[in-house]
Amino acid sequence: MPRSSSPRPQGARAARGAKPGAQAGRAGGTHTIRIIGGDWKRTPLPVLDLEGLRPTPDRVRETLFNWLGQRLDGQRCLDLFAGSGALGFEAASRGAERVVMVERNARAAAQLRANQAHLAARMIEVAEADALRLAANLPPGSFDVVFLDPPFGDAALLVRSLELAAPLVAPNGWLYVESGEPVDPATQPALAGWSVVREGKAGAVRYHLLQRENEE
């Protein structure tokens, strides 16, 4: 897999777009997230204390997986800017058949692999790679759920991420997007033919669940 020399986690946030705080106190350069539901419900996982990295908050994850129907049995998921891996681990806990986590920061990727090993999560693949480069080389329709959570504050990155992520969603699949601003398919050419099925806001985070129109 191609690697980037950038030390910043792909799932990290600039200070302006930082997510609400982590779920537990910091100790020894880490903080802790907790899986909300599924087979590993309430399992704590360490997350590195890297600048700007803020896992998707508990209440947002709970809402998202309520929207998705709680279980993802047999589904293929892509966590394209994995960061802490909160979304990918949650999907795996809820029965996903395959979860690909993409993270270019070496330390963050190593922590993802350590948590994967701790859970003996064979359905998870950690790709230490640039998200955009990897996405550009994946076959169309490869995933039932794509989690898209790029760093906030970079409009061009969000546009390019949407261009690459949308084709990867299988028919009747879902695209989940977190951003600092609302995502409107009418203003995003990559989302022509898509609609926002559900959306919400938590602090600085806006989150959206999208599906192609007429796919219900």
Protein backbone atom coordinates (compact mmCIF):
# COMPACT_ATOMS: atom_id res chain seq x y z
CA MET A 1 0.00 0.00 0.00
CA PRO A 2 1.28 3.53 -0.69
CA ARG A 3 2.29 5.51 2.34
CA SER A 4 2.39 9.18 3.11
CA SER A 5 5.12 10.95 5.02
CA SER A 6 2.62 13.28 6.65
CA PRO A 7 2.55 12.77 10.44
CA ARG A 8 -1.01 14.01 10.77
CA PRO A 9 -3.74 11.35 11.13
CA GLN A 10 -6.20 11.32 8.25
CA GLY A 11 -9.05 11.18 10.70
CA ALA A 12 -7.68 14.11 12.73
CA ARG A 13 -9.33 17.48 12.97
CA ALA A 14 -7.91 20.96 12.76
CA ALA A 15 -8.59 22.90 15.94
CA ARG A 16 -11.35 24.86 14.20
CA GLY A 17 -13.23 21.71 13.29
CA ALA A 18 -12.41 19.54 16.28
CA LYS A 19 -14.97 17.05 17.43
CA PRO A 20 -16.26 17.02 20.99
CA GLY A 21 -13.91 15.41 23.47
CA ALA A 22 -13.06 11.74 23.86
CA GLN A 23 -15.01 9.47 26.14
CA ALA A 24 -12.51 9.06 28.97
CA GLY A 25 -9.58 10.80 30.56
CA ARG A 26 -6.12 10.69 29.09
CA ALA A 27 -3.35 8.61 30.56
CA GLY A 28 0.12 7.92 29.24
CA GLY A 29 -0.47 9.58 25.90
CA THR A 30 -3.76 7.80 25.16
CA HIS A 31 -7.44 8.26 25.73
CA THR A 32 -10.20 5.70 25.50
CA ILE A 33 -13.24 5.14 23.34
CA ARG A 34 -15.91 2.57 24.08
CA ILE A 35 -17.78 0.44 21.57
CA ILE A 36 -21.47 1.30 21.84
CA GLY A 37 -23.19 -1.89 20.69
CA GLY A 38 -22.88 -5.32 19.16
CA ASP A 39 -20.63 -8.24 20.06
CA TRP A 40 -18.04 -6.03 21.78
CA LYS A 41 -20.49 -3.68 23.49
CA ARG A 42 -18.87 -1.58 26.24
CA THR A 43 -15.36 -2.76 25.27
CA PRO A 44 -12.88 0.10 25.81
CA LEU A 45 -10.21 0.72 23.18
CA PRO A 46 -7.16 2.97 23.59
CA VAL A 47 -6.70 5.83 21.14
CA LEU A 48 -3.45 7.75 20.75
CA ASP A 49 -3.40 11.32 21.99
CA LEU A 50 -2.50 12.80 18.60
CA GLU A 51 -3.07 16.45 17.84
CA GLY A 52 -6.55 17.08 16.47
CA LEU A 53 -7.71 13.46 16.55
CA ARG A 54 -11.23 13.27 17.94
CA PRO A 55 -13.26 10.05 17.67
CA THR A 56 -16.86 10.25 16.52
CA PRO A 57 -18.79 10.93 19.76
CA ASP A 58 -20.84 8.20 21.41
CA ARG A 59 -24.18 9.85 20.73
CA VAL A 60 -23.38 10.36 17.04
CA ARG A 61 -22.31 6.72 16.63
CA GLU A 62 -25.42 5.55 18.46
CA THR A 63 -27.61 7.65 16.19
CA LEU A 64 -25.83 6.52 13.04
CA PHE A 65 -26.16 2.82 13.81
CA ASN A 66 -29.80 3.30 14.77
CA TRP A 67 -30.25 4.72 11.26
CA LEU A 68 -28.43 1.73 9.77
CA GLY A 69 -30.60 -0.73 11.67
CA GLN A 70 -28.23 -1.67 14.53
CA ARG A 71 -26.77 -4.77 12.85
CA LEU A 72 -24.60 -4.86 9.74
CA ASP A 73 -24.45 -8.63 9.36
CA GLY A 74 -22.69 -9.71 6.19
CA GLN A 75 -22.04 -6.18 4.99
CA ARG A 76 -18.80 -4.76 3.60
CA CYS A 77 -17.66 -1.48 5.13
CA LEU A 78 -14.98 1.07 4.29
CA ASP A 79 -13.72 3.54 6.92
CA LEU A 80 -11.82 5.79 4.55
CA PHE A 81 -10.25 8.26 7.00
CA ALA A 82 -10.13 5.92 9.97
CA GLY A 83 -8.27 7.97 12.61
CA SER A 84 -9.30 6.29 15.87
CA GLY A 85 -11.25 3.61 14.02
CA ALA A 86 -14.37 4.33 16.08
CA LEU A 87 -16.73 3.84 13.13
CA GLY A 88 -14.97 0.79 11.73
CA PHE A 89 -14.73 -1.03 15.05
CA GLU A 90 -18.39 -0.26 15.73
CA ALA A 91 -19.34 -1.73 12.34
CA ALA A 92 -17.28 -4.87 13.00
CA SER A 93 -18.87 -5.27 16.42
CA ARG A 94 -22.29 -5.20 14.75
CA GLY A 95 -21.60 -8.10 12.40
CA ALA A 96 -19.96 -6.56 9.33
CA GLU A 97 -18.34 -9.24 7.17
CA ARG A 98 -15.45 -7.02 6.07
CA VAL A 99 -14.20 -3.68 7.39
CA VAL A 100 -11.36 -1.87 5.65
CA MET A 101 -9.80 0.93 7.73
CA VAL A 102 -7.56 3.37 5.86
CA GLU A 103 -5.11 5.52 7.83
CA ARG A 104 -1.86 7.01 6.55
CA ASN A 105 -0.38 8.07 9.90
CA ALA A 106 1.97 5.26 10.97
CA ARG A 107 1.33 5.62 14.72
CA ALA A 108 -2.43 5.78 14.32
CA ALA A 109 -2.39 2.79 11.96
CA ALA A 110 -0.29 0.82 14.46
CA GLN A 111 -2.84 1.55 17.18
CA LEU A 112 -5.63 0.37 14.88
CA ARG A 113 -3.74 -2.89 14.32
CA ALA A 114 -3.17 -3.29 18.07
CA ASN A 115 -6.88 -2.85 18.77
CA GLN A 116 -7.72 -5.25 15.94
CA ALA A 117 -5.42 -7.86 17.50
CA HIS A 118 -6.90 -7.27 20.96
CA LEU A 119 -10.37 -7.99 19.59
CA ALA A 120 -9.15 -10.85 17.36
CA ALA A 121 -11.15 -9.06 14.66
CA ARG A 122 -10.32 -11.06 11.53
CA MET A 123 -12.91 -9.17 9.48
CA ILE A 124 -10.90 -5.93 9.84
CA GLU A 125 -8.17 -4.94 7.40
CA VAL A 126 -5.97 -1.98 8.31
CA ALA A 127 -4.45 -0.23 5.29
CA GLU A 128 -1.65 2.19 6.13
CA ALA A 129 -2.16 4.27 3.01
CA ASP A 130 -3.29 7.58 1.59
CA ALA A 131 -7.08 7.44 1.52
CA LEU A 132 -7.53 9.15 -1.83
CA ARG A 133 -4.93 7.05 -3.61
CA LEU A 134 -6.36 3.84 -2.23
CA ALA A 135 -9.95 4.80 -3.03
CA ALA A 136 -9.01 5.64 -6.61
CA ASN A 137 -7.88 2.04 -7.11
CA LEU A 138 -10.81 0.21 -5.56
CA PRO A 139 -13.48 -1.41 -7.78
CA PRO A 140 -16.83 0.39 -8.04
CA GLY A 141 -19.58 -0.99 -5.83
CA SER A 142 -17.15 -2.71 -3.47
CA PHE A 143 -18.83 -1.71 -0.21
CA ASP A 144 -22.28 -1.65 1.33
CA VAL A 145 -21.40 1.17 3.72
CA VAL A 146 -18.71 3.81 3.22
CA PHE A 147 -17.80 6.00 6.20
CA LEU A 148 -16.31 9.28 4.96
CA ASP A 149 -14.82 11.43 7.69
CA PRO A 150 -12.05 13.62 6.21
CA PRO A 151 -10.30 16.39 8.17
CA PHE A 152 -12.52 19.43 8.56
CA GLY A 153 -11.83 22.78 6.96
CA ASP A 154 -10.55 21.55 3.60
CA ALA A 155 -13.36 22.00 1.08
CA ALA A 156 -11.30 20.67 -1.83
CA LEU A 157 -10.48 17.49 0.10
CA LEU A 158 -14.14 16.91 0.90
CA VAL A 159 -15.12 17.35 -2.75
CA ARG A 160 -12.41 14.97 -3.95
CA SER A 161 -13.29 12.46 -1.24
CA LEU A 162 -16.93 12.47 -2.31
CA GLU A 163 -15.90 11.99 -5.95
CA LEU A 164 -13.92 8.88 -5.05
CA ALA A 165 -16.16 7.46 -2.33
CA ALA A 166 -19.58 7.67 -3.99
CA PRO A 167 -18.79 5.14 -6.78
CA LEU A 168 -17.56 2.63 -4.20
CA VAL A 169 -21.03 2.25 -2.69
CA ALA A 170 -22.93 -0.81 -3.89
CA PRO A 171 -26.54 -0.58 -5.07
CA ASN A 172 -28.82 0.03 -2.08
CA GLY A 173 -25.74 0.89 -0.01
CA TRP A 174 -25.08 3.85 2.24
CA LEU A 175 -22.64 6.75 2.29
CA TYR A 176 -22.04 8.36 5.68
CA VAL A 177 -20.34 11.75 5.73
CA GLU A 178 -19.06 13.82 8.65
CA SER A 179 -18.06 17.39 7.96
CA GLY A 180 -17.86 20.86 9.43
CA GLU A 181 -20.50 22.15 7.03
CA PRO A 182 -23.79 20.74 5.72
CA VAL A 183 -23.47 18.41 2.74
CA ASP A 184 -25.99 19.27 0.02
CA PRO A 185 -26.12 16.92 -2.99
CA ALA A 186 -27.47 19.80 -5.09
CA THR A 187 -24.12 21.60 -4.72
CA GLN A 188 -21.89 18.53 -5.06
CA PRO A 189 -21.62 17.15 -8.62
CA ALA A 190 -20.26 13.87 -7.22
CA LEU A 191 -23.58 13.38 -5.41
CA ALA A 192 -25.85 13.81 -8.42
CA GLY A 193 -28.62 11.25 -7.99
CA TRP A 194 -28.05 10.98 -4.23
CA SER A 195 -30.21 12.27 -1.39
CA VAL A 196 -29.62 12.89 2.31
CA VAL A 197 -31.80 10.36 4.10
CA ARG A 198 -30.92 11.46 7.63
CA GLU A 199 -28.75 14.20 9.09
CA GLY A 200 -27.84 15.71 12.43
CA LYS A 201 -25.50 18.06 14.24
CA ALA A 202 -23.46 17.62 17.42
CA GLY A 203 -21.27 20.57 18.34
CA ALA A 204 -18.96 21.26 15.39
CA VAL A 205 -19.86 17.96 13.73
CA ARG A 206 -22.50 17.67 11.02
CA TYR A 207 -23.30 14.12 10.03
CA HIS A 208 -25.25 12.83 7.06
CA LEU A 209 -26.48 9.46 5.82
CA LEU A 210 -26.95 9.39 2.05
CA GLN A 211 -28.33 6.90 -0.44
CA ARG A 212 -28.87 6.97 -4.18
CA GLU A 213 -32.36 8.08 -5.03
CA ASN A 214 -34.95 5.35 -5.75
CA GLU A 215 -32.88 2.80 -3.79
CA GLU A 216 -34.92 1.86 -0.76
